[in-house]
Amino acid sequence: MEQTQPPVDLQTDRPHPARVYDYLLGGKDNFAADRAAAEQGIKANPASRTPPRENRAFLRRAVRFLAAERGIDQFLDIGTGIPSAPNVHHVAQQVNPAARIVYVDNDPIVLAHARALLTSTPEGRTEYLDADLRDVDSILNAPQLRDTLDLDRPVGLLLIAILHFIGDDNDPDDIVARLLAALPPGSHLVLSHLTGDFAPEAWERVAAIYRRTGVTMQVRPRERIARFFTGLELAEPGLELVNRWRPDGPNPDGEPTDAQVSVYGGVARKPVTS
């Protein structure tokens, strides 16, 4: 007899970063609390819709770069967010149909939509894991990860626009270091992070709004974000504003200002020892 799955508690009474992000991208998988937080953020910083859009484009370019130029065929995407095609597996499997992807998020609505993340090619595989970035052991020891990815071969670790939701009290440097320590040489880190370098007062107002709703947000300067790449080999052009990281070409709508983008991103390889 088929077992009935328990209903998912969507926790609609409080905002969640994944759903706020969805709203800012123009999505529909969000609730009143998410929209209210997002609109307050837009009032505090009218450019709040630009970072998600530029960040999403950076993710696609970075995954394509790893799959096409670095030969990475398996990815661990932590902080996946609500499915919005093209997702990581669409980009990676377009280059290599055998690519494998494990998606990780702790938002119950992402879990509810997880089937959209599991539309793999026949040659490849996708899996979804309901887990929190702060619980590294639960991610690394999960059967969904161990059965999908071969941790003896290089992995692309994706931490896209998630670490600014991890405060210093949760030691984000240790989180990144522990994840990388579990991956073999030749693995790559793809990371993006909000910064207050160009509009500090506006982003502090946004962070304060999130904190009042119970969501940690800590924007960081470039030199602090660079520490996450310690010991890794950054690919050109290094740690850069995401719209300047290997752009596909001129922006037909015109280039946004640095203050509008306010997200740094980079791709780096874990050194291969001789």
Protein backbone atom coordinates (compact mmCIF):
# COMPACT_ATOMS: atom_id res chain seq x y z
CA MET A 1 0.00 0.00 0.00
CA GLU A 2 1.33 3.45 -0.94
CA GLN A 3 2.20 5.54 2.11
CA THR A 4 0.76 9.02 2.42
CA GLN A 5 3.38 11.71 2.92
CA PRO A 6 2.74 14.10 5.80
CA PRO A 7 1.73 17.61 4.74
CA VAL A 8 4.52 20.16 4.44
CA ASP A 9 4.33 23.06 6.89
CA LEU A 10 5.08 26.03 4.62
CA GLN A 11 5.55 28.42 7.55
CA THR A 12 3.77 31.17 5.67
CA ASP A 13 3.51 33.45 8.70
CA ARG A 14 7.16 34.56 8.48
CA PRO A 15 9.40 35.50 5.56
CA HIS A 16 12.02 33.14 4.21
CA PRO A 17 15.00 34.29 2.10
CA ALA A 18 14.19 31.83 -0.71
CA ARG A 19 10.65 33.16 -1.06
CA VAL A 20 11.69 36.82 -0.77
CA TYR A 21 14.25 36.11 -3.50
CA ASP A 22 11.51 34.51 -5.60
CA TYR A 23 9.35 37.62 -5.22
CA LEU A 24 12.20 39.94 -6.19
CA LEU A 25 12.74 37.83 -9.32
CA GLY A 26 9.07 38.20 -10.22
CA GLY A 27 8.06 34.71 -9.11
CA LYS A 28 4.74 33.62 -7.65
CA ASP A 29 5.84 31.11 -5.00
CA ASN A 30 5.75 33.52 -2.07
CA PHE A 31 3.37 34.67 0.63
CA ALA A 32 2.22 37.88 2.26
CA ALA A 33 5.01 37.86 4.85
CA ASP A 34 7.63 37.42 2.10
CA ARG A 35 6.14 40.17 -0.05
CA ALA A 36 5.90 42.55 2.89
CA ALA A 37 9.56 42.00 3.79
CA ALA A 38 10.61 42.42 0.15
CA GLU A 39 8.61 45.62 -0.30
CA GLN A 40 10.06 47.08 2.88
CA GLY A 41 13.49 46.21 1.52
CA ILE A 42 12.71 47.93 -1.78
CA LYS A 43 11.67 51.07 0.08
CA ALA A 44 14.94 50.98 2.02
CA ASN A 45 16.95 50.29 -1.14
CA PRO A 46 15.13 50.82 -4.47
CA ALA A 47 17.79 48.73 -6.24
CA SER A 48 16.81 45.56 -4.33
CA ARG A 49 15.52 43.78 -7.44
CA THR A 50 18.82 44.08 -9.31
CA PRO A 51 21.05 41.79 -7.16
CA PRO A 52 18.84 38.68 -7.54
CA ARG A 53 18.65 39.11 -11.31
CA GLU A 54 22.40 39.62 -11.76
CA ASN A 55 23.18 36.87 -9.25
CA ARG A 56 21.01 34.37 -11.13
CA ALA A 57 22.79 35.16 -14.38
CA PHE A 58 26.16 34.71 -12.65
CA LEU A 59 25.10 31.27 -11.41
CA ARG A 60 24.25 30.13 -14.93
CA ARG A 61 27.53 31.40 -16.35
CA ALA A 62 29.59 29.86 -13.54
CA VAL A 63 27.96 26.44 -13.90
CA ARG A 64 28.43 26.54 -17.66
CA PHE A 65 32.09 27.48 -17.17
CA LEU A 66 32.68 24.60 -14.76
CA ALA A 67 30.91 22.07 -16.96
CA ALA A 68 32.36 23.19 -20.29
CA GLU A 69 35.85 24.43 -19.37
CA ARG A 70 36.74 22.69 -16.13
CA GLY A 71 35.11 19.31 -16.78
CA ILE A 72 32.99 19.31 -13.62
CA ASP A 73 30.09 16.90 -13.98
CA GLN A 74 28.70 16.83 -10.43
CA PHE A 75 27.41 19.71 -8.36
CA LEU A 76 26.31 20.33 -4.77
CA ASP A 77 24.00 23.36 -4.74
CA ILE A 78 23.29 24.50 -1.17
CA GLY A 79 20.65 27.17 -0.75
CA THR A 80 19.00 26.20 -4.01
CA GLY A 81 15.95 28.40 -3.71
CA ILE A 82 12.61 27.95 -5.42
CA PRO A 83 12.95 26.28 -8.84
CA SER A 84 13.30 28.82 -11.64
CA ALA A 85 14.40 27.40 -14.98
CA PRO A 86 17.04 27.17 -16.13
CA ASN A 87 18.18 25.50 -12.92
CA VAL A 88 21.66 24.11 -12.34
CA HIS A 89 20.89 20.74 -13.88
CA HIS A 90 19.50 22.35 -17.03
CA VAL A 91 22.74 24.28 -17.57
CA ALA A 92 25.13 21.48 -16.57
CA GLN A 93 23.31 18.73 -18.46
CA GLN A 94 23.14 20.84 -21.59
CA VAL A 95 26.94 20.61 -21.59
CA ASN A 96 27.17 17.06 -20.23
CA PRO A 97 23.94 15.02 -20.13
CA ALA A 98 25.51 12.71 -17.52
CA ALA A 99 25.97 15.51 -14.97
CA ARG A 100 24.68 14.86 -11.46
CA ILE A 101 23.31 17.49 -9.09
CA VAL A 102 22.27 17.44 -5.43
CA TYR A 103 20.10 20.40 -4.42
CA VAL A 104 19.93 21.44 -0.76
CA ASP A 105 17.57 23.90 0.93
CA ASN A 106 15.71 24.27 4.21
CA ASP A 107 12.68 26.18 2.95
CA PRO A 108 9.58 23.96 3.09
CA ILE A 109 8.16 25.49 -0.08
CA VAL A 110 11.32 24.48 -1.97
CA LEU A 111 10.70 20.95 -0.67
CA ALA A 112 7.12 21.19 -1.92
CA HIS A 113 8.40 22.11 -5.39
CA ALA A 114 11.34 19.72 -5.36
CA ARG A 115 9.95 17.61 -8.21
CA ALA A 116 10.77 20.50 -10.56
CA LEU A 117 14.39 20.06 -9.56
CA LEU A 118 14.41 16.36 -10.35
CA THR A 119 13.78 16.47 -14.11
CA SER A 120 17.14 14.98 -15.00
CA THR A 121 18.30 13.62 -18.31
CA PRO A 122 18.25 9.80 -18.49
CA GLU A 123 22.06 9.77 -18.39
CA GLY A 124 22.37 12.04 -15.37
CA ARG A 125 20.72 12.32 -12.00
CA THR A 126 19.31 14.95 -9.66
CA GLU A 127 18.40 14.66 -5.98
CA TYR A 128 16.96 16.98 -3.36
CA LEU A 129 17.98 17.21 0.29
CA ASP A 130 15.99 19.11 2.92
CA ALA A 131 18.77 20.43 5.17
CA ASP A 132 20.26 23.58 6.67
CA LEU A 133 23.66 24.91 5.58
CA ARG A 134 24.60 25.36 9.23
CA ASP A 135 24.30 21.61 9.80
CA VAL A 136 27.24 20.53 7.65
CA ASP A 137 27.30 16.95 8.94
CA SER A 138 23.67 16.34 8.00
CA ILE A 139 24.46 17.41 4.44
CA LEU A 140 27.68 15.47 4.02
CA ASN A 141 26.30 12.28 5.58
CA ALA A 142 22.94 12.32 3.80
CA PRO A 143 22.16 9.25 1.66
CA GLN A 144 20.84 11.57 -1.06
CA LEU A 145 24.32 13.04 -1.41
CA ARG A 146 26.33 9.85 -0.96
CA ASP A 147 24.18 7.93 -3.44
CA THR A 148 24.29 10.66 -6.09
CA LEU A 149 27.75 12.21 -5.98
CA ASP A 150 31.12 10.48 -6.06
CA LEU A 151 33.18 12.36 -3.49
CA ASP A 152 36.35 10.79 -4.83
CA ARG A 153 35.96 12.96 -7.94
CA PRO A 154 35.81 16.77 -8.21
CA VAL A 155 32.57 18.47 -7.25
CA GLY A 156 31.28 21.96 -7.93
CA LEU A 157 30.14 23.40 -4.58
CA LEU A 158 27.62 26.19 -5.13
CA LEU A 159 27.01 28.68 -2.32
CA ILE A 160 25.00 31.28 -4.18
CA ALA A 161 23.66 34.26 -2.24
CA ILE A 162 23.35 32.27 0.98
CA LEU A 163 26.28 33.18 3.21
CA HIS A 164 24.97 36.69 3.87
CA PHE A 165 22.15 34.92 5.72
CA ILE A 166 24.72 33.28 8.01
CA GLY A 167 25.88 35.57 10.80
CA ASP A 168 29.38 35.59 12.22
CA ASP A 169 28.06 33.86 15.33
CA ASN A 170 27.47 30.77 13.16
CA ASP A 171 31.07 30.90 11.85
CA PRO A 172 30.51 30.87 8.08
CA ASP A 173 34.26 30.43 7.46
CA ASP A 174 34.17 27.11 9.30
CA ILE A 175 31.08 26.02 7.36
CA VAL A 176 32.80 26.66 4.03
CA ALA A 177 36.05 25.07 5.19
CA ARG A 178 34.32 21.89 6.38
CA LEU A 179 32.41 21.50 3.14
CA LEU A 180 35.55 21.97 1.07
CA ALA A 181 37.52 19.59 3.29
CA ALA A 182 35.06 16.81 2.36
CA LEU A 183 35.61 17.38 -1.37
CA PRO A 184 38.64 16.12 -3.31
CA PRO A 185 41.31 18.28 -4.98
CA GLY A 186 40.09 19.70 -8.27
CA SER A 187 36.72 20.56 -6.76
CA HIS A 188 35.50 24.12 -7.23
CA LEU A 189 33.74 26.66 -5.03
CA VAL A 190 31.24 29.02 -6.64
CA LEU A 191 30.23 31.71 -4.18
CA SER A 192 28.31 34.98 -4.32
CA HIS A 193 27.62 37.37 -1.47
CA LEU A 194 25.90 40.71 -0.90
CA THR A 195 28.13 43.64 -0.06
CA GLY A 196 27.61 47.07 1.43
CA ASP A 197 30.73 48.45 -0.24
CA PHE A 198 28.84 50.74 -2.63
CA ALA A 199 25.66 51.62 -0.75
CA PRO A 200 26.36 50.87 2.93
CA GLU A 201 23.51 52.85 4.44
CA ALA A 202 20.91 51.42 2.07
CA TRP A 203 21.98 47.82 2.68
CA GLU A 204 22.14 48.32 6.42
CA ARG A 205 18.52 49.50 6.30
CA VAL A 206 17.61 46.36 4.35
CA ALA A 207 19.51 44.13 6.80
CA ALA A 208 17.73 45.79 9.72
CA ILE A 209 14.35 45.04 8.14
CA TYR A 210 15.25 41.38 7.74
CA ARG A 211 16.50 41.16 11.31
CA ARG A 212 13.22 42.57 12.62
CA THR A 213 11.40 39.72 10.87
CA GLY A 214 13.71 37.14 12.43
CA VAL A 215 15.97 36.64 9.38
CA THR A 216 19.71 37.12 9.79
CA MET A 217 21.32 39.23 7.09
CA GLN A 218 24.94 40.33 7.24
CA VAL A 219 26.37 42.07 4.19
CA ARG A 220 30.17 42.00 4.10
CA PRO A 221 32.98 43.95 2.42
CA ARG A 222 35.02 42.52 -0.43
CA GLU A 223 38.07 41.74 1.70
CA ARG A 224 35.89 39.77 4.12
CA ILE A 225 34.19 37.82 1.33
CA ALA A 226 37.61 37.03 -0.15
CA ARG A 227 38.46 35.06 3.00
CA PHE A 228 36.02 32.35 1.95
CA PHE A 229 38.39 31.57 -0.93
CA THR A 230 41.48 31.19 1.27
CA GLY A 231 43.76 28.46 -0.06
CA LEU A 232 41.88 28.17 -3.35
CA GLU A 233 42.92 29.13 -6.90
CA LEU A 234 40.58 31.84 -8.18
CA ALA A 235 39.63 31.66 -11.84
CA GLU A 236 39.85 34.88 -13.84
CA PRO A 237 38.65 37.56 -13.32
CA GLY A 238 38.88 36.71 -9.60
CA LEU A 239 36.42 37.97 -7.01
CA GLU A 240 34.38 40.50 -8.92
CA LEU A 241 30.93 42.07 -9.05
CA VAL A 242 28.78 39.33 -10.52
CA ASN A 243 27.76 41.25 -13.65
CA ARG A 244 31.47 41.56 -14.52
CA TRP A 245 32.28 37.88 -14.03
CA ARG A 246 32.73 36.54 -17.58
CA PRO A 247 29.69 38.33 -19.03
CA ASP A 248 28.13 36.85 -22.14
CA GLY A 249 28.20 40.26 -23.81
CA PRO A 250 26.89 43.80 -23.43
CA ASN A 251 23.71 44.11 -21.40
CA PRO A 252 20.94 45.09 -23.87
CA ASP A 253 19.21 47.01 -21.08
CA GLY A 254 22.38 48.87 -20.14
CA GLU A 255 24.85 48.06 -17.41
CA PRO A 256 23.64 48.49 -13.82
CA THR A 257 25.74 50.56 -11.46
CA ASP A 258 28.01 48.94 -8.87
CA ALA A 259 25.66 50.12 -6.12
CA GLN A 260 22.69 48.51 -7.86
CA VAL A 261 24.45 45.14 -8.21
CA SER A 262 26.17 45.00 -4.79
CA VAL A 263 26.99 41.28 -5.10
CA TYR A 264 30.50 39.87 -5.41
CA GLY A 265 31.06 36.48 -6.95
CA GLY A 266 33.93 34.18 -7.72
CA VAL A 267 34.87 30.67 -8.82
CA ALA A 268 37.91 28.92 -7.37
CA ARG A 269 39.55 25.50 -7.53
CA LYS A 270 40.78 23.41 -4.64
CA PRO A 271 44.44 22.87 -5.53
CA VAL A 272 45.55 19.59 -7.01
CA THR A 273 48.70 18.41 -5.23
CA SER A 274 51.42 16.80 -7.33
